[in-house]
């Protein structure tokens, strides 16, 4: 079995009215196109 090491991040902030905001990105390709995910990727 091939092992692929990956990393991800959850970025949390607060907007101008004090509400918590979590940053994510919408996938634009592949099997999960249109789904939401946290930024990350393979470790070289």
N, C-alpha and C. Protein backbone atom coordinates (compact mmCIF):
# COMPACT_ATOMS: atom_id res chain seq x y z
N UNK A 1 0.85 -1.18 0.00
CA UNK A 1 0.00 0.00 0.00
C UNK A 1 0.89 1.24 0.00
N UNK A 2 0.59 2.19 -0.87
CA UNK A 2 1.33 3.43 -0.95
C UNK A 2 0.86 4.39 0.15
N UNK A 3 1.81 5.00 0.84
CA UNK A 3 1.48 5.98 1.88
C UNK A 3 1.69 7.38 1.30
N UNK A 4 0.66 8.20 1.39
CA UNK A 4 0.74 9.59 0.94
C UNK A 4 0.52 10.48 2.16
N UNK A 5 1.51 11.27 2.49
CA UNK A 5 1.39 12.19 3.63
C UNK A 5 0.72 13.47 3.16
N UNK A 6 -0.25 13.92 3.92
CA UNK A 6 -0.98 15.13 3.57
C UNK A 6 -1.07 16.05 4.78
N UNK A 7 -1.42 17.29 4.51
CA UNK A 7 -1.60 18.28 5.56
C UNK A 7 -2.86 19.07 5.26
N UNK A 8 -3.54 19.54 6.30
CA UNK A 8 -4.72 20.37 6.13
C UNK A 8 -4.70 21.45 7.20
N UNK A 9 -5.47 22.49 6.97
CA UNK A 9 -5.54 23.59 7.93
C UNK A 9 -6.99 24.02 8.12
N UNK A 10 -7.32 24.37 9.34
CA UNK A 10 -8.61 24.99 9.63
C UNK A 10 -8.30 26.40 10.09
N UNK A 11 -8.74 27.38 9.31
CA UNK A 11 -8.45 28.78 9.59
C UNK A 11 -9.71 29.42 10.14
N UNK A 12 -9.62 29.91 11.37
CA UNK A 12 -10.77 30.50 12.05
C UNK A 12 -10.49 31.96 12.32
N UNK A 13 -11.49 32.80 12.12
CA UNK A 13 -11.36 34.23 12.37
C UNK A 13 -12.67 34.74 12.95
N UNK A 14 -12.76 36.03 13.11
CA UNK A 14 -13.98 36.67 13.60
C UNK A 14 -14.30 37.81 12.64
N UNK A 15 -15.56 37.92 12.22
CA UNK A 15 -15.93 38.98 11.28
C UNK A 15 -16.15 40.30 12.03
N UNK A 16 -16.54 41.32 11.29
CA UNK A 16 -16.66 42.67 11.87
C UNK A 16 -17.74 42.81 12.93
N UNK A 17 -18.68 41.85 13.00
CA UNK A 17 -19.71 41.92 14.05
C UNK A 17 -19.50 40.87 15.13
N UNK A 18 -18.30 40.31 15.17
CA UNK A 18 -17.93 39.41 16.25
C UNK A 18 -18.33 37.95 16.06
N UNK A 19 -18.85 37.57 14.89
CA UNK A 19 -19.24 36.19 14.65
C UNK A 19 -18.04 35.38 14.16
N UNK A 20 -17.93 34.12 14.59
CA UNK A 20 -16.81 33.29 14.11
C UNK A 20 -16.98 32.93 12.64
N UNK A 21 -15.88 32.87 11.92
CA UNK A 21 -15.87 32.51 10.51
C UNK A 21 -14.80 31.43 10.32
N UNK A 22 -15.15 30.35 9.61
CA UNK A 22 -14.18 29.31 9.27
C UNK A 22 -13.98 29.35 7.77
N UNK A 23 -12.71 29.43 7.35
CA UNK A 23 -12.38 29.52 5.93
C UNK A 23 -12.27 28.12 5.33
N UNK A 24 -12.91 27.93 4.18
CA UNK A 24 -12.85 26.68 3.43
C UNK A 24 -12.86 27.05 1.95
N UNK A 25 -12.64 26.07 1.09
CA UNK A 25 -12.64 26.31 -0.34
C UNK A 25 -13.59 25.33 -1.01
N UNK A 26 -14.21 25.75 -2.09
CA UNK A 26 -15.13 24.87 -2.81
C UNK A 26 -14.36 24.15 -3.91
N UNK A 27 -14.52 22.84 -3.94
CA UNK A 27 -13.81 22.01 -4.92
C UNK A 27 -14.41 22.24 -6.30
N UNK A 28 -13.54 22.46 -7.30
CA UNK A 28 -14.01 22.75 -8.65
C UNK A 28 -13.82 21.62 -9.64
N UNK A 29 -13.40 20.44 -9.18
CA UNK A 29 -13.11 19.35 -10.10
C UNK A 29 -13.24 18.01 -9.38
N UNK A 30 -13.25 16.94 -10.13
CA UNK A 30 -13.21 15.59 -9.58
C UNK A 30 -14.54 15.08 -9.06
N UNK A 31 -14.44 13.96 -8.37
CA UNK A 31 -15.63 13.27 -7.86
C UNK A 31 -16.44 14.12 -6.88
N UNK A 32 -15.76 14.96 -6.12
CA UNK A 32 -16.43 15.77 -5.10
C UNK A 32 -16.61 17.22 -5.54
N UNK A 33 -16.69 17.46 -6.83
CA UNK A 33 -16.87 18.81 -7.37
C UNK A 33 -18.10 19.47 -6.73
N UNK A 34 -17.94 20.71 -6.32
CA UNK A 34 -19.03 21.45 -5.69
C UNK A 34 -19.07 21.29 -4.18
N UNK A 35 -18.31 20.33 -3.64
CA UNK A 35 -18.26 20.13 -2.20
C UNK A 35 -17.28 21.11 -1.56
N UNK A 36 -17.33 21.21 -0.25
CA UNK A 36 -16.45 22.13 0.47
C UNK A 36 -15.36 21.35 1.17
N UNK A 37 -14.16 21.95 1.25
CA UNK A 37 -13.04 21.30 1.90
C UNK A 37 -12.13 22.34 2.54
N UNK A 38 -11.31 21.87 3.47
CA UNK A 38 -10.32 22.74 4.08
C UNK A 38 -9.08 22.77 3.20
N UNK A 39 -8.36 23.90 3.16
CA UNK A 39 -7.15 23.96 2.35
C UNK A 39 -6.10 22.95 2.84
N UNK A 40 -5.38 22.40 1.92
CA UNK A 40 -4.34 21.43 2.28
C UNK A 40 -3.78 20.78 1.04
N UNK A 41 -2.95 19.79 1.20
CA UNK A 41 -2.40 19.09 0.07
C UNK A 41 -1.31 18.12 0.47
N UNK A 42 -0.69 17.52 -0.54
CA UNK A 42 0.38 16.55 -0.32
C UNK A 42 1.64 17.25 0.19
N UNK A 43 2.37 16.57 1.03
CA UNK A 43 3.65 17.07 1.51
C UNK A 43 4.73 16.54 0.57
N UNK A 44 5.52 17.42 -0.03
CA UNK A 44 6.60 16.97 -0.92
C UNK A 44 7.81 16.58 -0.13
